Amino acid sequence: MRSASFVALALIAVAMLVGGLRAHDEKEVTLKGTILCAKCALKEAKKCQTAIQVKEGDQTVTYYLDDKGMKEEYHEAVCGGARKEGTVTGTVHEHNGKKMIKPTKVEYAEK
């Protein structure tokens, strides 16, 4: 029984170490492009979700914001199909084959 507890504690410690290292690898980036609603403008989502499209070489790449969707204060400006230039700062990851960004800052370009 004692060895089983030791093994369980060791596995938990390793998992925490790996999780901590992985979080450390994520660097904050700033994406500059067109901010829009993935449901209203792109017709790609079932619920309103903010996204940003950026030029990467010759391609336009869509990053979906990993946030509270239409409950975010900045979403209202693009809901309904509007497209606005701006920047999104945060950490990038993939989820179900889609590029996502966990935003720490969203700013629209001034006119």
Foldseek 3Di string as FASTA:
>chain_A
DVVVVVVVVVVVVVVVVVVVVVVVPWDKDKAWAKKAWCCQAVVNDPATWIWGWGDDDPDIAIATEPDPGPVDPVHVVHPNHDIFTWMFIATWDDDPRHIYGHGPDTDTDDD
